């Protein structure tokens, strides 16, 4: 595997500020739970570094001490003071990223542990090859319940990510889901992060809105669609058990 050249033109941001109420761990962030003996977030960091990405920022918030205590000293941190959604969390990381950075990989701390170094590498290379403003990872899963569905037009281009709560019955049948890992053009991200609207129901700012913004501005959005990818988010104790089984196969 040929690694990504480690320089200041590429950074990665791992979002690890969420409360994760379904994990029922008030004093501990869910990214610190272990899968096959290794904390979830350390798996993601290790896979990014193995792909050659050394510039890593972790956004902390809920139970931040539990996250900070397990991170290596060469990993930078940014803090999200209030839980105002994933786009807001990313916004707090941007001041720590130098202006010469051209591309930013963004991953969710609880959903990215199963993304291998090769997948990170393939996603980044695909982003560069297609000259895209945003590239996101998608996967087809047997049970997409609760996950964002990928909507495409007749030519196969992505037109929207629709969340479970907003999906029609027909859209809920879609098996291709958002695997919650993106590569953003850094200039686009800085220019458009403030365009993300506040969700009227939750009061939060969602990262997926940046896909809508890019499409509205007629910017190129690409997807790297994976087949047979054993993706598993961890938002509850039962999902943690499913994640454990991935590493036992």
Protein backbone atom coordinates (compact mmCIF):
# COMPACT_ATOMS: atom_id res chain seq x y z
CA UNK A 1 0.00 0.00 0.00
CA UNK A 2 1.47 3.33 -1.08
CA UNK A 3 0.82 5.82 1.69
CA UNK A 4 -0.43 9.38 1.35
CA UNK A 5 2.45 11.83 1.49
CA UNK A 6 2.42 13.30 4.99
CA UNK A 7 2.44 17.09 4.64
CA UNK A 8 0.45 20.16 5.59
CA UNK A 9 -1.79 19.97 2.51
CA UNK A 10 -3.97 17.24 4.02
CA UNK A 11 -5.52 17.09 7.48
CA UNK A 12 -7.99 14.76 9.11
CA UNK A 13 -10.64 15.72 11.65
CA UNK A 14 -12.29 13.10 13.87
CA UNK A 15 -15.55 14.23 15.46
CA UNK A 16 -15.75 12.88 19.01
CA UNK A 17 -17.78 15.45 20.94
CA UNK A 18 -21.23 13.85 20.92
CA UNK A 19 -22.99 12.76 24.06
CA UNK A 20 -24.15 9.37 22.80
CA UNK A 21 -27.15 9.07 25.11
CA UNK A 22 -27.97 5.53 23.97
CA UNK A 23 -24.64 4.28 25.33
CA UNK A 24 -25.82 5.33 28.82
CA UNK A 25 -22.35 6.45 29.89
CA UNK A 26 -22.52 9.96 31.36
CA UNK A 27 -18.87 10.13 32.44
CA UNK A 28 -17.38 8.45 29.43
CA UNK A 29 -17.45 9.28 25.73
CA UNK A 30 -18.57 6.41 23.51
CA UNK A 31 -15.41 6.63 21.36
CA UNK A 32 -13.39 5.38 24.35
CA UNK A 33 -15.18 2.02 24.45
CA UNK A 34 -12.99 -0.84 23.29
CA UNK A 35 -13.50 -3.07 20.29
CA UNK A 36 -11.29 -6.17 20.41
CA UNK A 37 -9.24 -4.56 23.16
CA UNK A 38 -8.58 -1.20 21.47
CA UNK A 39 -10.53 2.04 22.05
CA UNK A 40 -12.70 2.87 19.05
CA UNK A 41 -11.08 6.24 18.41
CA UNK A 42 -7.57 4.81 18.62
CA UNK A 43 -8.48 2.34 15.87
CA UNK A 44 -9.47 5.24 13.61
CA UNK A 45 -6.34 7.23 14.44
CA UNK A 46 -4.13 4.18 13.86
CA UNK A 47 -5.74 3.49 10.48
CA UNK A 48 -5.34 7.12 9.38
CA UNK A 49 -1.68 7.11 10.36
CA UNK A 50 -1.09 3.82 8.60
CA UNK A 51 -2.51 5.43 5.47
CA UNK A 52 0.10 8.19 5.87
CA UNK A 53 -2.12 10.89 7.39
CA UNK A 54 -0.22 12.33 10.33
CA UNK A 55 -2.06 15.66 10.76
CA UNK A 56 -5.02 14.64 12.92
CA UNK A 57 -7.37 16.80 14.99
CA UNK A 58 -9.89 15.27 17.39
CA UNK A 59 -12.89 17.42 18.34
CA UNK A 60 -13.84 16.74 21.96
CA UNK A 61 -16.83 17.80 24.01
CA UNK A 62 -18.90 15.39 26.10
CA UNK A 63 -16.76 13.67 28.75
CA UNK A 64 -13.71 15.17 27.05
CA UNK A 65 -11.30 14.02 29.77
CA UNK A 66 -12.06 10.39 28.95
CA UNK A 67 -11.02 11.01 25.34
CA UNK A 68 -8.00 13.23 26.03
CA UNK A 69 -6.57 10.72 28.50
CA UNK A 70 -6.14 8.02 25.84
CA UNK A 71 -4.85 10.15 22.96
CA UNK A 72 -1.21 10.37 21.96
CA UNK A 73 0.50 13.72 22.43
CA UNK A 74 0.99 14.17 18.68
CA UNK A 75 -2.76 14.33 18.08
CA UNK A 76 -4.20 17.84 18.19
CA UNK A 77 -7.46 18.67 19.92
CA UNK A 78 -10.26 21.18 19.42
CA UNK A 79 -13.22 21.59 21.74
CA UNK A 80 -16.90 22.01 20.91
CA UNK A 81 -18.27 23.86 23.96
CA UNK A 82 -21.92 23.13 23.15
CA UNK A 83 -23.41 20.09 21.43
CA UNK A 84 -24.65 21.88 18.32
CA UNK A 85 -24.19 19.14 15.74
CA UNK A 86 -21.50 17.70 13.52
CA UNK A 87 -21.03 20.74 11.24
CA UNK A 88 -20.59 22.95 14.29
CA UNK A 89 -18.04 20.49 15.71
CA UNK A 90 -16.06 20.60 12.48
CA UNK A 91 -16.19 24.40 12.50
CA UNK A 92 -14.32 24.41 15.81
CA UNK A 93 -11.47 22.41 14.24
CA UNK A 94 -10.94 24.71 11.24
CA UNK A 95 -8.90 27.40 13.07
CA UNK A 96 -6.27 24.74 13.85
CA UNK A 97 -5.83 23.83 10.19
CA UNK A 98 -3.26 25.90 8.25
CA UNK A 99 -4.38 27.88 5.20
CA UNK A 100 -2.10 25.87 2.91
CA UNK A 101 -4.14 22.73 3.62
CA UNK A 102 -5.96 21.75 0.42
CA UNK A 103 -8.07 18.75 1.54
CA UNK A 104 -9.63 17.68 4.82
CA UNK A 105 -10.75 14.14 5.66
CA UNK A 106 -13.61 14.14 8.17
CA UNK A 107 -14.69 11.03 10.06
CA UNK A 108 -17.13 10.38 12.89
CA UNK A 109 -15.36 8.97 15.92
CA UNK A 110 -18.02 6.34 16.59
CA UNK A 111 -18.52 5.21 12.99
CA UNK A 112 -15.05 5.12 11.42
CA UNK A 113 -13.18 2.44 13.35
CA UNK A 114 -13.84 -0.19 10.66
CA UNK A 115 -12.53 2.00 7.82
CA UNK A 116 -9.21 0.42 6.92
CA UNK A 117 -6.05 2.31 5.93
CA UNK A 118 -6.58 1.16 2.34
CA UNK A 119 -10.12 2.55 2.27
CA UNK A 120 -8.94 5.92 3.62
CA UNK A 121 -6.25 5.90 0.95
CA UNK A 122 -8.68 4.91 -1.82
CA UNK A 123 -11.17 7.60 -0.76
CA UNK A 124 -8.52 10.32 -0.82
CA UNK A 125 -7.10 9.20 -4.17
CA UNK A 126 -10.58 9.04 -5.69
CA UNK A 127 -11.27 12.56 -4.44
CA UNK A 128 -8.12 13.87 -6.11
CA UNK A 129 -8.62 11.85 -9.30
CA UNK A 130 -12.19 13.09 -9.79
CA UNK A 131 -11.27 16.69 -8.90
CA UNK A 132 -14.25 16.83 -6.55
CA UNK A 133 -15.21 19.44 -3.99
CA UNK A 134 -16.70 16.75 -1.72
CA UNK A 135 -16.23 12.99 -1.82
CA UNK A 136 -18.07 10.70 0.56
CA UNK A 137 -17.91 7.05 1.40
CA UNK A 138 -21.04 4.95 0.93
CA UNK A 139 -21.82 1.31 1.57
CA UNK A 140 -24.62 -1.13 0.85
CA UNK A 141 -25.87 -2.83 3.98
CA UNK A 142 -28.48 -5.49 4.66
CA UNK A 143 -30.24 -3.50 7.34
CA UNK A 144 -30.11 0.27 6.69
CA UNK A 145 -32.58 1.13 9.46
CA UNK A 146 -31.67 4.36 11.24
CA UNK A 147 -29.03 5.35 8.69
CA UNK A 148 -28.86 8.11 6.09
CA UNK A 149 -29.85 6.84 2.62
CA UNK A 150 -28.08 7.89 -0.57
CA UNK A 151 -30.48 9.27 -3.18
CA UNK A 152 -29.28 9.26 -6.79
CA UNK A 153 -30.72 10.53 -10.05
CA UNK A 154 -31.23 8.45 -13.19
CA UNK A 155 -27.59 8.88 -14.22
CA UNK A 156 -26.34 7.65 -10.85
CA UNK A 157 -25.23 11.00 -9.45
CA UNK A 158 -25.88 11.67 -5.78
CA UNK A 159 -28.60 14.25 -5.26
CA UNK A 160 -29.20 14.02 -1.53
CA UNK A 161 -28.66 12.20 1.74
CA UNK A 162 -31.97 11.60 3.47
CA UNK A 163 -32.11 10.62 7.13
CA UNK A 164 -34.31 7.81 8.39
CA UNK A 165 -36.74 10.16 10.16
CA UNK A 166 -37.22 12.20 6.98
CA UNK A 167 -37.35 9.32 4.48
CA UNK A 168 -40.45 8.17 2.64
CA UNK A 169 -41.39 4.50 2.73
CA UNK A 170 -39.87 4.09 -0.73
CA UNK A 171 -36.63 5.82 0.30
CA UNK A 172 -36.35 3.58 3.35
CA UNK A 173 -35.98 0.62 0.99
CA UNK A 174 -32.66 2.01 -0.29
CA UNK A 175 -29.77 -0.10 0.97
CA UNK A 176 -26.95 2.33 0.12
CA UNK A 177 -26.07 4.34 3.20
CA UNK A 178 -23.84 7.23 4.15
CA UNK A 179 -20.79 5.67 5.85
CA UNK A 180 -19.97 9.01 7.53
CA UNK A 181 -16.51 9.64 6.09
CA UNK A 182 -15.78 12.53 3.75
CA UNK A 183 -13.02 14.39 1.96
CA UNK A 184 -13.68 18.11 1.58
CA UNK A 185 -11.89 20.71 -0.46
CA UNK A 186 -10.56 22.98 2.29
CA UNK A 187 -11.44 26.25 0.53
CA UNK A 188 -15.03 25.12 -0.06
CA UNK A 189 -15.32 24.04 3.57
CA UNK A 190 -14.11 27.37 4.94
CA UNK A 191 -16.33 29.35 2.59
CA UNK A 192 -19.51 27.33 3.10
CA UNK A 193 -19.49 26.03 6.68
CA UNK A 194 -21.53 29.05 7.79
CA UNK A 195 -24.20 28.27 5.18
CA UNK A 196 -25.19 25.11 7.04
CA UNK A 197 -28.72 25.71 8.35
CA UNK A 198 -29.90 25.01 11.88
CA UNK A 199 -32.17 21.99 12.03
CA UNK A 200 -35.55 23.33 13.22
CA UNK A 201 -36.30 20.18 15.22
CA UNK A 202 -33.00 19.69 17.05
CA UNK A 203 -31.33 23.09 16.85
CA UNK A 204 -28.19 21.41 15.52
CA UNK A 205 -26.07 21.96 12.41
CA UNK A 206 -25.51 18.79 10.38
CA UNK A 207 -22.46 17.99 8.29
CA UNK A 208 -24.58 16.30 5.64
CA UNK A 209 -26.07 19.71 4.78
CA UNK A 210 -22.73 20.51 3.12
CA UNK A 211 -23.61 17.95 0.45
CA UNK A 212 -26.81 19.88 -0.31
CA UNK A 213 -24.85 23.14 -0.37
CA UNK A 214 -22.24 21.77 -2.78
CA UNK A 215 -24.96 20.47 -5.12
CA UNK A 216 -26.83 23.80 -4.92
CA UNK A 217 -23.64 25.63 -5.93
CA UNK A 218 -23.15 23.13 -8.79
CA UNK A 219 -19.90 21.83 -7.28
CA UNK A 220 -18.74 18.31 -8.04
CA UNK A 221 -19.78 15.74 -5.43
CA UNK A 222 -18.49 12.19 -5.78
CA UNK A 223 -19.08 8.96 -3.91
CA UNK A 224 -16.83 5.99 -3.37
CA UNK A 225 -19.34 3.15 -3.09
CA UNK A 226 -18.11 0.03 -1.32
CA UNK A 227 -19.50 -3.45 -1.78
CA UNK A 228 -19.26 -6.07 0.97
CA UNK A 229 -17.93 -3.50 3.43
CA UNK A 230 -18.50 -4.58 7.02
CA UNK A 231 -19.48 -1.15 8.32
CA UNK A 232 -20.85 -0.74 11.81
CA UNK A 233 -21.61 2.42 13.72
CA UNK A 234 -21.55 2.34 17.52
CA UNK A 235 -24.37 4.30 19.12
CA UNK A 236 -25.61 1.79 21.69
CA UNK A 237 -24.42 -1.17 23.77
CA UNK A 238 -26.01 -3.61 21.32
CA UNK A 239 -24.18 -1.98 18.40
CA UNK A 240 -20.95 -2.22 20.39
CA UNK A 241 -21.51 -5.96 20.64
CA UNK A 242 -22.05 -6.13 16.87
CA UNK A 243 -18.79 -4.24 16.38
CA UNK A 244 -17.00 -6.77 18.58
CA UNK A 245 -18.24 -9.57 16.38
CA UNK A 246 -16.77 -7.89 13.26
CA UNK A 247 -13.30 -8.48 14.66
CA UNK A 248 -14.06 -12.07 15.61
CA UNK A 249 -14.86 -13.15 12.05
